[in-house]
Protein backbone atom coordinates (compact mmCIF):
# COMPACT_ATOMS: atom_id res chain seq x y z
CA UNK A 1 0.00 0.00 0.00
CA UNK A 2 1.38 3.41 -0.85
CA UNK A 3 0.81 6.81 0.71
CA UNK A 4 -2.36 8.62 -0.32
CA UNK A 5 -2.16 11.00 -3.24
CA UNK A 6 -2.47 14.72 -2.61
CA UNK A 7 -6.05 14.52 -3.93
CA UNK A 8 -6.92 11.79 -1.42
CA UNK A 9 -5.17 13.66 1.39
CA UNK A 10 -7.29 16.72 0.54
CA UNK A 11 -10.41 14.58 0.99
CA UNK A 12 -9.35 13.19 4.39
CA UNK A 13 -11.22 14.70 7.32
CA UNK A 14 -8.71 13.71 10.02
CA UNK A 15 -11.33 11.43 11.61
CA UNK A 16 -10.96 8.47 9.28
CA UNK A 17 -13.39 9.74 6.65
CA UNK A 18 -13.02 10.86 3.03
CA UNK A 19 -15.18 13.81 2.04
CA UNK A 20 -16.00 15.32 -1.34
CA UNK A 21 -17.86 18.46 -0.36
CA UNK A 22 -20.38 17.42 2.28
CA UNK A 23 -20.53 13.80 1.06
CA UNK A 24 -18.58 10.99 2.69
CA UNK A 25 -16.95 8.37 0.50
CA UNK A 26 -14.87 5.27 1.16
CA UNK A 27 -12.36 3.28 -0.80
CA UNK A 28 -13.16 -0.39 -1.38
CA UNK A 29 -11.65 -2.83 -3.81
CA UNK A 30 -14.05 -3.55 -6.68
CA UNK A 31 -13.48 -7.28 -6.34
CA UNK A 32 -14.45 -7.12 -2.65
CA UNK A 33 -17.71 -5.33 -3.44
CA UNK A 34 -18.59 -7.32 -6.54
CA UNK A 35 -17.58 -10.59 -4.89
CA UNK A 36 -20.71 -10.21 -2.77
CA UNK A 37 -22.87 -10.27 -5.90
CA UNK A 38 -20.90 -13.10 -7.54
CA UNK A 39 -21.48 -15.31 -4.47
CA UNK A 40 -25.26 -14.95 -4.58
CA UNK A 41 -27.54 -17.35 -6.46
CA UNK A 42 -28.78 -15.71 -9.66
CA UNK A 43 -32.30 -14.92 -8.35
CA UNK A 44 -30.87 -13.29 -5.23
CA UNK A 45 -28.18 -11.54 -7.28
CA UNK A 46 -30.82 -9.86 -9.44
CA UNK A 47 -32.62 -8.61 -6.32
CA UNK A 48 -29.32 -7.38 -4.85
CA UNK A 49 -28.43 -5.55 -8.09
CA UNK A 50 -31.87 -3.89 -8.03
CA UNK A 51 -31.33 -2.90 -4.40
CA UNK A 52 -27.91 -1.32 -4.99
CA UNK A 53 -29.21 0.52 -8.06
CA UNK A 54 -32.07 1.93 -5.96
CA UNK A 55 -29.70 2.93 -3.17
CA UNK A 56 -27.32 4.66 -5.58
CA UNK A 57 -30.29 6.38 -7.25
CA UNK A 58 -31.47 7.73 -3.89
CA UNK A 59 -28.09 8.70 -2.49
CA UNK A 60 -26.50 9.66 -5.81
CA UNK A 61 -29.28 12.21 -6.24
CA UNK A 62 -27.93 14.00 -3.17
CA UNK A 63 -24.49 14.27 -4.77
CA UNK A 64 -25.86 15.33 -8.15
CA UNK A 65 -27.99 18.03 -6.51
CA UNK A 66 -24.92 19.49 -4.82
CA UNK A 67 -22.98 19.77 -8.11
CA UNK A 68 -25.40 21.94 -10.07
CA UNK A 69 -28.93 23.30 -10.09
CA UNK A 70 -31.96 21.47 -11.36
CA UNK A 71 -33.23 21.31 -14.89
CA UNK A 72 -32.12 21.41 -18.48
CA UNK A 73 -30.55 24.85 -18.05
CA UNK A 74 -27.93 23.30 -15.75
CA UNK A 75 -27.54 20.02 -17.65
CA UNK A 76 -24.27 20.90 -19.40
CA UNK A 77 -22.61 21.95 -16.16
CA UNK A 78 -23.89 18.91 -14.27
CA UNK A 79 -22.79 16.47 -16.96
CA UNK A 80 -19.36 18.06 -17.23
CA UNK A 81 -18.92 17.85 -13.45
CA UNK A 82 -20.02 14.21 -13.40
CA UNK A 83 -17.67 13.27 -16.25
CA UNK A 84 -14.80 15.00 -14.40
CA UNK A 85 -15.66 13.47 -11.02
CA UNK A 86 -16.49 9.86 -11.98
CA UNK A 87 -12.90 8.85 -12.81
CA UNK A 88 -11.59 10.63 -9.70
CA UNK A 89 -13.88 8.43 -7.60
CA UNK A 90 -12.86 5.26 -9.45
CA UNK A 91 -16.08 4.90 -11.46
CA UNK A 92 -14.24 4.70 -14.81
CA UNK A 93 -14.23 7.19 -17.65
CA UNK A 94 -17.69 8.47 -18.53
CA UNK A 95 -18.83 9.89 -21.85
CA UNK A 96 -22.30 11.18 -21.04
CA UNK A 97 -24.66 12.95 -23.46
CA UNK A 98 -28.30 13.96 -23.35
CA UNK A 99 -31.14 15.06 -25.57
CA UNK A 100 -34.76 15.94 -24.86
CA UNK A 101 -35.61 12.24 -24.42
CA UNK A 102 -32.91 11.22 -21.95
CA UNK A 103 -29.28 10.31 -21.39
CA UNK A 104 -26.70 8.09 -23.09
CA UNK A 105 -23.56 6.87 -21.37
CA UNK A 106 -20.51 5.11 -22.71
CA UNK A 107 -18.36 3.94 -19.80
CA UNK A 108 -14.77 2.76 -20.16
CA UNK A 109 -12.92 0.82 -17.47
CA UNK A 110 -15.88 0.04 -15.24
CA UNK A 111 -14.86 -0.89 -11.68
CA UNK A 112 -17.91 -3.16 -11.50
CA UNK A 113 -16.76 -5.20 -14.51
CA UNK A 114 -13.20 -5.27 -13.16
CA UNK A 115 -14.48 -6.53 -9.81
CA UNK A 116 -17.03 -9.04 -11.10
CA UNK A 117 -15.28 -10.48 -14.15
CA UNK A 118 -17.02 -12.41 -16.93
CA UNK A 119 -20.79 -12.70 -16.59
CA UNK A 120 -23.76 -13.76 -18.66
CA UNK A 121 -25.64 -10.70 -17.37
CA UNK A 122 -24.79 -6.99 -17.02
CA UNK A 123 -23.14 -6.14 -13.70
CA UNK A 124 -23.09 -2.33 -13.59
CA UNK A 125 -26.34 -1.78 -11.68
CA UNK A 126 -24.84 1.04 -9.56
CA UNK A 127 -24.17 3.01 -12.76
CA UNK A 128 -27.80 2.59 -13.80
CA UNK A 129 -28.89 3.92 -10.40
CA UNK A 130 -26.66 6.96 -10.79
CA UNK A 131 -28.00 7.61 -14.29
CA UNK A 132 -31.54 7.53 -12.92
CA UNK A 133 -30.56 10.09 -10.28
CA UNK A 134 -29.02 12.33 -12.96
CA UNK A 135 -32.14 11.98 -15.08
CA UNK A 136 -34.35 13.21 -12.26
CA UNK A 137 -31.96 16.10 -11.65
CA UNK A 138 -32.03 17.22 -15.29
CA UNK A 139 -35.55 16.36 -16.44
CA UNK A 140 -37.45 16.66 -13.16
CA UNK A 141 -38.93 13.19 -13.55
CA UNK A 142 -37.76 9.67 -13.00
CA UNK A 143 -36.65 7.35 -15.72
CA UNK A 144 -35.41 3.83 -16.10
CA UNK A 145 -31.78 3.08 -16.96
CA UNK A 146 -30.96 0.04 -19.03
CA UNK A 147 -27.48 -1.36 -19.51
CA UNK A 148 -27.62 -2.37 -23.17
CA UNK A 149 -24.16 -3.91 -23.38
CA UNK A 150 -21.67 -4.81 -20.64
CA UNK A 151 -17.98 -5.57 -20.99
CA UNK A 152 -18.43 -8.42 -18.50
CA UNK A 153 -20.38 -10.18 -21.27
CA UNK A 154 -17.70 -9.55 -23.92
CA UNK A 155 -15.53 -12.29 -25.33
CA UNK A 156 -12.18 -12.33 -23.52
CA UNK A 157 -9.60 -10.17 -25.22
CA UNK A 158 -12.13 -7.65 -26.50
CA UNK A 159 -12.21 -4.04 -25.41
CA UNK A 160 -13.43 -3.24 -21.88
CA UNK A 161 -15.91 -0.81 -23.43
CA UNK A 162 -19.59 -0.94 -22.87
CA UNK A 163 -22.56 1.33 -23.15
CA UNK A 164 -25.15 1.85 -20.50
CA UNK A 165 -28.08 3.64 -22.08
CA UNK A 166 -30.73 5.50 -20.19
CA UNK A 167 -33.98 6.93 -21.41
CA UNK A 168 -36.68 8.81 -19.52
CA UNK A 169 -39.99 6.97 -19.51
CA UNK A 170 -42.64 8.78 -21.56
């Protein structure tokens, strides 16, 4: 283990916590987190993925709200902040766009794929939860995120690229 970077030191609160603004974070190995899901039977795994997506949607909305104001007028600023912040928090590199119907995300180097490994099913449920929180922030209504392709499902040796697409329900 090496010493924390200056960025991590700036986040340390001196009490054992890491803060980004008013929000507490923690560092956890992706394989430790995703190992929980991998150890569950498939039916329970699906329920657990739904639960973590809902939790990230609820709590991610608090973070998104602190980055920028509500609505389409603030969408560019919010999306830029999220794309800058996601890799700093270990969530991979995000390329996020929007139109009047919703959001599209292309995520490279997903920590959830890195932690879970090969899978027959998408594994990036936390990303879908965050996209749903962002949708509510921008459009003022909830939507449903769908991961349309996941690198965990890719043939070994292929790019670790996947797209998680989100659209606001009509």
